[in-house]
Amino acid sequence: MLIDIHARLDEEAIQELLGWAVFPEPEHLERAISLYKNGATGEGGHKLLGYESENEVIGLIGYHYVNSDTIEIDHIAVTPSDRNKGYGRGLILELLELEKPSVLIAETDDSAVDFYRSSRFTVESLGEKYPGTERYKCTYYADDEDEDA
């Protein structure tokens, strides 16, 4: 089950986990922490939820509504020791169940695009948005997903 972890952003373990989802520079992590600390009550409504196993948060998903039926995933991460066990897809499925959007979108790079493909997202290249880095728009249409899948 997903839990609200925005109030736990000062915890080292939460920051380390969020760090896996951002570009590896301290200012990117600081910006992400600020986004969720301020965004939970702000206009964009940025939310940060975690997945807890044995009293330890092993995954997180940060997101905001783009419009009334579309959610954009800003950050998603699973601890390295728990990767490739279905937790990432589980975070997405629980988010779909909790918020019930029609569409999920995310932007990513080569390192995570296969995760989104394997999670039934449609992937579209955005080209080289940053020098030497191709970016992708990933879109998931909830209405196309079978309830039993």
N, C-alpha and C. Protein backbone atom coordinates (compact mmCIF):
# COMPACT_ATOMS: atom_id res chain seq x y z
N MET A 1 0.84 -1.17 0.00
CA MET A 1 0.00 0.00 0.00
C MET A 1 0.89 1.25 0.00
N LEU A 2 0.46 2.25 -0.76
CA LEU A 2 1.19 3.51 -0.81
C LEU A 2 0.88 4.36 0.42
N ILE A 3 1.91 5.01 0.94
CA ILE A 3 1.75 5.89 2.09
C ILE A 3 2.32 7.27 1.75
N ASP A 4 1.76 8.30 2.34
CA ASP A 4 2.25 9.66 2.13
C ASP A 4 3.57 9.81 2.89
N ILE A 5 4.63 10.15 2.18
CA ILE A 5 5.94 10.30 2.83
C ILE A 5 6.47 11.73 2.73
N HIS A 6 5.63 12.66 2.32
CA HIS A 6 6.09 14.04 2.15
C HIS A 6 6.60 14.61 3.48
N ALA A 7 6.01 14.21 4.60
CA ALA A 7 6.44 14.70 5.92
C ALA A 7 7.75 14.06 6.37
N ARG A 8 8.21 13.04 5.64
CA ARG A 8 9.44 12.34 6.02
C ARG A 8 10.63 12.72 5.13
N LEU A 9 10.48 13.82 4.40
CA LEU A 9 11.53 14.21 3.46
C LEU A 9 12.87 14.57 4.10
N ASP A 10 12.89 14.81 5.39
CA ASP A 10 14.15 15.11 6.06
C ASP A 10 14.92 13.85 6.45
N GLU A 11 14.28 12.69 6.31
CA GLU A 11 14.94 11.42 6.66
C GLU A 11 15.98 11.07 5.58
N GLU A 12 17.13 10.66 6.04
CA GLU A 12 18.22 10.32 5.14
C GLU A 12 17.83 9.20 4.16
N ALA A 13 17.13 8.20 4.64
CA ALA A 13 16.75 7.07 3.78
C ALA A 13 15.80 7.51 2.66
N ILE A 14 14.89 8.43 2.97
CA ILE A 14 13.95 8.93 1.96
C ILE A 14 14.71 9.77 0.93
N GLN A 15 15.62 10.61 1.40
CA GLN A 15 16.41 11.43 0.48
C GLN A 15 17.30 10.56 -0.40
N GLU A 16 17.87 9.51 0.16
CA GLU A 16 18.70 8.61 -0.64
C GLU A 16 17.86 7.94 -1.73
N LEU A 17 16.68 7.50 -1.38
CA LEU A 17 15.79 6.87 -2.35
C LEU A 17 15.38 7.87 -3.44
N LEU A 18 15.00 9.08 -3.05
CA LEU A 18 14.65 10.10 -4.02
C LEU A 18 15.86 10.43 -4.91
N GLY A 19 17.03 10.36 -4.33
CA GLY A 19 18.26 10.62 -5.09
C GLY A 19 18.44 9.67 -6.27
N TRP A 20 17.92 8.46 -6.16
CA TRP A 20 18.01 7.51 -7.27
C TRP A 20 17.17 7.94 -8.47
N ALA A 21 16.21 8.84 -8.24
CA ALA A 21 15.29 9.25 -9.30
C ALA A 21 15.66 10.59 -9.93
N VAL A 22 16.72 11.22 -9.47
CA VAL A 22 17.09 12.52 -10.01
C VAL A 22 18.49 12.46 -10.60
N PHE A 23 18.81 13.45 -11.42
CA PHE A 23 20.14 13.56 -11.98
C PHE A 23 21.14 13.65 -10.83
N PRO A 24 22.25 12.91 -10.90
CA PRO A 24 23.15 12.80 -9.74
C PRO A 24 23.97 14.05 -9.42
N GLU A 25 23.25 15.11 -9.09
CA GLU A 25 23.91 16.32 -8.61
C GLU A 25 23.10 16.83 -7.42
N PRO A 26 23.78 17.29 -6.36
CA PRO A 26 23.07 17.69 -5.14
C PRO A 26 21.95 18.71 -5.35
N GLU A 27 22.14 19.65 -6.27
CA GLU A 27 21.10 20.66 -6.47
C GLU A 27 19.82 20.07 -7.05
N HIS A 28 19.93 18.98 -7.81
CA HIS A 28 18.74 18.33 -8.35
C HIS A 28 17.94 17.65 -7.22
N LEU A 29 18.64 17.04 -6.29
CA LEU A 29 17.97 16.43 -5.15
C LEU A 29 17.32 17.51 -4.28
N GLU A 30 18.04 18.59 -4.03
CA GLU A 30 17.49 19.68 -3.22
C GLU A 30 16.22 20.25 -3.87
N ARG A 31 16.24 20.38 -5.20
CA ARG A 31 15.08 20.90 -5.93
C ARG A 31 13.89 19.94 -5.79
N ALA A 32 14.16 18.65 -5.88
CA ALA A 32 13.09 17.65 -5.75
C ALA A 32 12.50 17.66 -4.34
N ILE A 33 13.35 17.74 -3.33
CA ILE A 33 12.88 17.79 -1.94
C ILE A 33 11.99 19.02 -1.75
N SER A 34 12.44 20.15 -2.24
CA SER A 34 11.67 21.38 -2.13
C SER A 34 10.33 21.27 -2.85
N LEU A 35 10.34 20.65 -4.02
CA LEU A 35 9.11 20.46 -4.80
C LEU A 35 8.05 19.75 -3.97
N TYR A 36 8.44 18.67 -3.28
CA TYR A 36 7.47 17.89 -2.51
C TYR A 36 7.14 18.53 -1.17
N LYS A 37 8.11 19.20 -0.56
CA LYS A 37 7.81 19.89 0.71
C LYS A 37 6.81 21.02 0.48
N ASN A 38 7.00 21.77 -0.59
CA ASN A 38 6.15 22.92 -0.87
C ASN A 38 4.97 22.56 -1.76
N GLY A 39 5.14 21.57 -2.60
CA GLY A 39 4.13 21.23 -3.59
C GLY A 39 2.91 20.54 -3.05
N ALA A 40 3.03 19.89 -1.91
CA ALA A 40 1.89 19.16 -1.35
C ALA A 40 0.74 20.10 -1.03
N THR A 41 1.06 21.33 -0.72
CA THR A 41 0.02 22.30 -0.40
C THR A 41 -0.11 23.39 -1.46
N GLY A 42 0.77 23.36 -2.45
CA GLY A 42 0.80 24.40 -3.46
C GLY A 42 -0.13 24.15 -4.63
N GLU A 43 -0.04 25.04 -5.60
CA GLU A 43 -0.91 25.04 -6.77
C GLU A 43 -0.79 23.75 -7.57
N GLY A 44 0.43 23.26 -7.81
CA GLY A 44 0.62 22.08 -8.64
C GLY A 44 0.20 20.79 -7.97
N GLY A 45 0.11 20.80 -6.65
CA GLY A 45 -0.30 19.61 -5.94
C GLY A 45 0.65 18.44 -6.07
N HIS A 46 1.94 18.70 -6.06
CA HIS A 46 2.91 17.61 -6.16
C HIS A 46 2.83 16.73 -4.91
N LYS A 47 2.72 15.43 -5.14
CA LYS A 47 2.59 14.47 -4.04
C LYS A 47 3.72 13.46 -4.12
N LEU A 48 4.13 12.97 -2.96
CA LEU A 48 5.18 11.96 -2.87
C LEU A 48 4.66 10.82 -2.00
N LEU A 49 4.57 9.65 -2.60
CA LEU A 49 4.09 8.47 -1.89
C LEU A 49 5.18 7.41 -1.88
N GLY A 50 5.18 6.61 -0.84
CA GLY A 50 6.18 5.56 -0.72
C GLY A 50 5.54 4.20 -0.54
N TYR A 51 6.32 3.17 -0.82
CA TYR A 51 5.89 1.80 -0.59
C TYR A 51 6.76 1.24 0.53
N GLU A 52 6.11 0.78 1.59
CA GLU A 52 6.82 0.29 2.77
C GLU A 52 6.79 -1.23 2.82
N SER A 53 7.95 -1.80 3.14
CA SER A 53 8.07 -3.24 3.34
C SER A 53 8.91 -3.45 4.59
N GLU A 54 8.36 -4.18 5.55
CA GLU A 54 9.05 -4.45 6.81
C GLU A 54 9.54 -3.15 7.47
N ASN A 55 8.62 -2.15 7.55
CA ASN A 55 8.87 -0.86 8.19
C ASN A 55 9.97 -0.04 7.52
N GLU A 56 10.27 -0.32 6.26
CA GLU A 56 11.28 0.43 5.51
C GLU A 56 10.68 0.84 4.18
N VAL A 57 10.82 2.11 3.81
CA VAL A 57 10.34 2.57 2.51
C VAL A 57 11.34 2.09 1.46
N ILE A 58 10.87 1.22 0.56
CA ILE A 58 11.76 0.65 -0.47
C ILE A 58 11.48 1.20 -1.87
N GLY A 59 10.41 1.99 -2.00
CA GLY A 59 10.10 2.59 -3.28
C GLY A 59 9.30 3.86 -3.08
N LEU A 60 9.37 4.74 -4.08
CA LEU A 60 8.57 5.96 -4.01
C LEU A 60 8.13 6.37 -5.39
N ILE A 61 7.06 7.17 -5.40
CA ILE A 61 6.56 7.73 -6.65
C ILE A 61 6.09 9.15 -6.35
N GLY A 62 6.60 10.10 -7.13
CA GLY A 62 6.22 11.49 -7.00
C GLY A 62 5.48 11.90 -8.26
N TYR A 63 4.41 12.68 -8.11
CA TYR A 63 3.57 13.00 -9.26
C TYR A 63 2.76 14.27 -9.02
N HIS A 64 2.13 14.73 -10.07
CA HIS A 64 1.18 15.84 -9.99
C HIS A 64 0.16 15.69 -11.11
N TYR A 65 -0.99 16.34 -10.92
CA TYR A 65 -2.02 16.34 -11.95
C TYR A 65 -1.68 17.41 -12.99
N VAL A 66 -1.74 17.02 -14.25
CA VAL A 66 -1.57 17.94 -15.37
C VAL A 66 -2.91 18.60 -15.67
N ASN A 67 -3.96 17.79 -15.61
CA ASN A 67 -5.34 18.26 -15.73
C ASN A 67 -6.21 17.28 -14.94
N SER A 68 -7.51 17.36 -15.08
CA SER A 68 -8.40 16.58 -14.21
C SER A 68 -8.29 15.07 -14.39
N ASP A 69 -7.78 14.60 -15.52
CA ASP A 69 -7.70 13.15 -15.71
C ASP A 69 -6.31 12.65 -16.13
N THR A 70 -5.30 13.51 -16.04
CA THR A 70 -3.94 13.12 -16.44
C THR A 70 -2.96 13.42 -15.31
N ILE A 71 -2.19 12.40 -14.96
CA ILE A 71 -1.14 12.53 -13.94
C ILE A 71 0.21 12.40 -14.62
N GLU A 72 1.15 13.27 -14.21
CA GLU A 72 2.52 13.15 -14.68
C GLU A 72 3.37 12.62 -13.53
N ILE A 73 4.10 11.55 -13.81
CA ILE A 73 5.04 10.99 -12.84
C ILE A 73 6.31 11.83 -12.92
N ASP A 74 6.66 12.45 -11.80
CA ASP A 74 7.86 13.27 -11.74
C ASP A 74 9.09 12.45 -11.33
N HIS A 75 8.88 11.54 -10.40
CA HIS A 75 9.98 10.70 -9.91
C HIS A 75 9.43 9.32 -9.55
N ILE A 76 10.23 8.30 -9.82
CA ILE A 76 9.90 6.94 -9.38
C ILE A 76 11.23 6.25 -9.09
N ALA A 77 11.29 5.56 -7.97
CA ALA A 77 12.54 4.89 -7.60
C ALA A 77 12.25 3.71 -6.69
N VAL A 78 13.10 2.72 -6.80
CA VAL A 78 13.07 1.54 -5.93
C VAL A 78 14.51 1.33 -5.47
N THR A 79 14.68 0.94 -4.21
CA THR A 79 16.04 0.70 -3.71
C THR A 79 16.73 -0.32 -4.61
N PRO A 80 18.03 -0.15 -4.85
CA PRO A 80 18.73 -1.06 -5.76
C PRO A 80 18.56 -2.54 -5.42
N SER A 81 18.54 -2.89 -4.14
CA SER A 81 18.42 -4.30 -3.77
C SER A 81 17.03 -4.87 -4.02
N ASP A 82 16.04 -4.00 -4.25
CA ASP A 82 14.68 -4.46 -4.48
C ASP A 82 14.22 -4.27 -5.93
N ARG A 83 15.13 -3.90 -6.81
CA ARG A 83 14.77 -3.71 -8.21
C ARG A 83 14.56 -5.05 -8.90
N ASN A 84 13.85 -4.99 -10.00
CA ASN A 84 13.55 -6.17 -10.83
C ASN A 84 12.71 -7.21 -10.07
N LYS A 85 11.92 -6.74 -9.12
CA LYS A 85 11.04 -7.63 -8.36
C LYS A 85 9.58 -7.22 -8.52
N GLY A 86 9.31 -6.24 -9.43
CA GLY A 86 7.94 -5.82 -9.68
C GLY A 86 7.46 -4.66 -8.86
N TYR A 87 8.31 -4.10 -7.99
CA TYR A 87 7.87 -2.99 -7.14
C TYR A 87 7.59 -1.72 -7.95
N GLY A 88 8.39 -1.45 -8.97
CA GLY A 88 8.17 -0.26 -9.79
C GLY A 88 6.81 -0.30 -10.47
N ARG A 89 6.51 -1.43 -11.10
CA ARG A 89 5.19 -1.59 -11.73
C ARG A 89 4.10 -1.55 -10.66
N GLY A 90 4.38 -2.10 -9.49
CA GLY A 90 3.42 -2.06 -8.40
C GLY A 90 3.11 -0.63 -7.96
N LEU A 91 4.14 0.22 -7.92
CA LEU A 91 3.93 1.63 -7.58
C LEU A 91 2.97 2.28 -8.58
N ILE A 92 3.16 1.98 -9.85
CA ILE A 92 2.29 2.55 -10.90
C ILE A 92 0.87 2.02 -10.76
N LEU A 93 0.73 0.71 -10.56
CA LEU A 93 -0.61 0.13 -10.44
C LEU A 93 -1.34 0.67 -9.21
N GLU A 94 -0.63 0.83 -8.10
CA GLU A 94 -1.28 1.37 -6.90
C GLU A 94 -1.65 2.84 -7.08
N LEU A 95 -0.82 3.59 -7.79
CA LEU A 95 -1.15 4.97 -8.09
C LEU A 95 -2.42 5.04 -8.95
N LEU A 96 -2.51 4.16 -9.94
CA LEU A 96 -3.71 4.10 -10.79
C LEU A 96 -4.95 3.80 -9.95
N GLU A 97 -4.83 2.88 -9.03
CA GLU A 97 -5.96 2.49 -8.18
C GLU A 97 -6.34 3.63 -7.23
N LEU A 98 -5.36 4.30 -6.68
CA LEU A 98 -5.59 5.37 -5.71
C LEU A 98 -6.21 6.61 -6.36
N GLU A 99 -5.63 7.08 -7.44
CA GLU A 99 -6.03 8.35 -8.05
C GLU A 99 -7.02 8.20 -9.21
N LYS A 100 -7.03 7.04 -9.84
CA LYS A 100 -7.94 6.73 -10.95
C LYS A 100 -7.87 7.72 -12.12
N PRO A 101 -6.66 8.05 -12.59
CA PRO A 101 -6.56 8.93 -13.76
C PRO A 101 -6.87 8.14 -15.03
N SER A 102 -7.17 8.83 -16.10
CA SER A 102 -7.34 8.18 -17.40
C SER A 102 -5.99 7.97 -18.07
N VAL A 103 -5.05 8.88 -17.79
CA VAL A 103 -3.75 8.85 -18.45
C VAL A 103 -2.64 9.13 -17.44
N LEU A 104 -1.55 8.37 -17.56
CA LEU A 104 -0.31 8.65 -16.83
C LEU A 104 0.73 9.02 -17.87
N ILE A 105 1.54 10.04 -17.58
CA ILE A 105 2.64 10.37 -18.47
C ILE A 105 3.92 10.50 -17.66
N ALA A 106 5.02 10.31 -18.33
CA ALA A 106 6.33 10.48 -17.70
C ALA A 106 7.33 10.82 -18.80
N GLU A 107 8.37 11.55 -18.43
CA GLU A 107 9.46 11.80 -19.35
C GLU A 107 10.69 11.15 -18.76
N THR A 108 11.45 10.47 -19.62
CA THR A 108 12.62 9.74 -19.11
C THR A 108 13.72 9.72 -20.16
N ASP A 109 14.81 9.03 -19.80
CA ASP A 109 15.95 8.89 -20.71
C ASP A 109 16.19 7.41 -21.00
N ASP A 110 17.31 7.11 -21.66
CA ASP A 110 17.62 5.73 -22.04
C ASP A 110 17.67 4.77 -20.86
N SER A 111 18.08 5.26 -19.69
CA SER A 111 18.27 4.36 -18.55
C SER A 111 16.96 3.78 -18.02
N ALA A 112 15.83 4.46 -18.24
CA ALA A 112 14.56 3.98 -17.68
C ALA A 112 13.49 3.70 -18.72
N VAL A 113 13.77 3.98 -19.99
CA VAL A 113 12.72 3.83 -21.00
C VAL A 113 12.22 2.39 -21.10
N ASP A 114 13.10 1.41 -20.94
CA ASP A 114 12.66 0.01 -21.02
C ASP A 114 11.73 -0.36 -19.87
N PHE A 115 11.94 0.24 -18.69
CA PHE A 115 11.03 0.01 -17.58
C PHE A 115 9.62 0.45 -17.97
N TYR A 116 9.49 1.64 -18.54
CA TYR A 116 8.18 2.13 -18.93
C TYR A 116 7.57 1.27 -20.05
N ARG A 117 8.39 0.87 -21.01
CA ARG A 117 7.89 -0.02 -22.08
C ARG A 117 7.33 -1.31 -21.48
N SER A 118 8.07 -1.90 -20.55
CA SER A 118 7.64 -3.16 -19.96
C SER A 118 6.43 -2.99 -19.04
N SER A 119 6.15 -1.74 -18.66
CA SER A 119 4.99 -1.43 -17.82
C SER A 119 3.80 -0.95 -18.66
N ARG A 120 3.83 -1.26 -19.94
CA ARG A 120 2.74 -1.00 -20.89
C ARG A 120 2.52 0.47 -21.22
N PHE A 121 3.57 1.26 -21.13
CA PHE A 121 3.51 2.64 -21.58
C PHE A 121 3.83 2.68 -23.06
N THR A 122 3.23 3.60 -23.79
CA THR A 122 3.60 3.89 -25.17
C THR A 122 4.76 4.87 -25.10
N VAL A 123 5.81 4.62 -25.87
CA VAL A 123 7.02 5.43 -25.79
C VAL A 123 7.22 6.19 -27.10
N GLU A 124 7.50 7.48 -26.97
CA GLU A 124 7.72 8.36 -28.12
C GLU A 124 9.00 9.15 -27.87
N SER A 125 9.91 9.14 -28.83
CA SER A 125 11.15 9.90 -28.68
C SER A 125 10.87 11.39 -28.76
N LEU A 126 11.50 12.13 -27.86
CA LEU A 126 11.44 13.60 -27.88
C LEU A 126 12.71 14.18 -28.49
N GLY A 127 13.60 13.29 -28.92
CA GLY A 127 14.86 13.73 -29.49
C GLY A 127 15.87 14.05 -28.40
N GLU A 128 16.93 14.71 -28.79
CA GLU A 128 18.02 15.05 -27.89
C GLU A 128 17.73 16.39 -27.24
N LYS A 129 16.98 16.37 -26.13
CA LYS A 129 16.61 17.62 -25.44
C LYS A 129 17.80 18.26 -24.75
N TYR A 130 18.73 17.44 -24.30
CA TYR A 130 19.96 17.91 -23.67
C TYR A 130 21.10 17.32 -24.47
N PRO A 131 22.23 18.00 -24.58
CA PRO A 131 23.34 17.48 -25.38
C PRO A 131 23.72 16.05 -25.01
N GLY A 132 23.63 15.16 -25.97
CA GLY A 132 24.01 13.77 -25.77
C GLY A 132 23.00 12.92 -25.03
N THR A 133 21.80 13.45 -24.76
CA THR A 133 20.80 12.72 -23.99
C THR A 133 19.45 12.73 -24.70
N GLU A 134 19.07 11.57 -25.22
CA GLU A 134 17.75 11.45 -25.82
C GLU A 134 16.71 11.30 -24.71
N ARG A 135 15.59 11.97 -24.87
CA ARG A 135 14.50 11.90 -23.89
C ARG A 135 13.29 11.26 -24.55
N TYR A 136 12.43 10.69 -23.73
CA TYR A 136 11.25 9.98 -24.21
C TYR A 136 10.02 10.40 -23.43
N LYS A 137 8.91 10.52 -24.14
CA LYS A 137 7.61 10.73 -23.48
C LYS A 137 6.95 9.37 -23.41
N CYS A 138 6.56 8.98 -22.20
CA CYS A 138 5.93 7.69 -21.97
C CYS A 138 4.49 7.94 -21.53
N THR A 139 3.55 7.26 -22.17
CA THR A 139 2.13 7.49 -21.91
C THR A 139 1.44 6.16 -21.63
N TYR A 140 0.65 6.15 -20.59
CA TYR A 140 -0.12 4.97 -20.18
C TYR A 140 -1.59 5.36 -20.17
N TYR A 141 -2.39 4.63 -20.96
CA TYR A 141 -3.83 4.89 -21.02
C TYR A 141 -4.53 3.88 -20.12
N ALA A 142 -5.03 4.34 -19.01
CA ALA A 142 -5.64 3.44 -18.01
C ALA A 142 -6.86 2.73 -18.57
N ASP A 143 -7.61 3.38 -19.44
CA ASP A 143 -8.81 2.76 -20.00
C ASP A 143 -8.49 1.55 -20.84
N ASP A 144 -7.27 1.47 -21.37
CA ASP A 144 -6.88 0.34 -22.22
C ASP A 144 -6.45 -0.86 -21.40
N GLU A 145 -6.20 -0.66 -20.12
CA GLU A 145 -5.71 -1.74 -19.24
C GLU A 145 -6.85 -2.63 -18.79
N ASP A 146 -6.66 -3.93 -18.93
CA ASP A 146 -7.66 -4.87 -18.42
C ASP A 146 -7.60 -4.88 -16.91
N GLU A 147 -8.74 -4.96 -16.28
CA GLU A 147 -8.80 -5.00 -14.81
C GLU A 147 -8.06 -6.19 -14.23
N ASP A 148 -8.06 -7.31 -14.94
CA ASP A 148 -7.45 -8.54 -14.44
C ASP A 148 -5.98 -8.67 -14.79
N ALA A 149 -5.42 -7.76 -15.54
CA ALA A 149 -4.04 -7.89 -16.00
C ALA A 149 -3.06 -7.74 -14.86
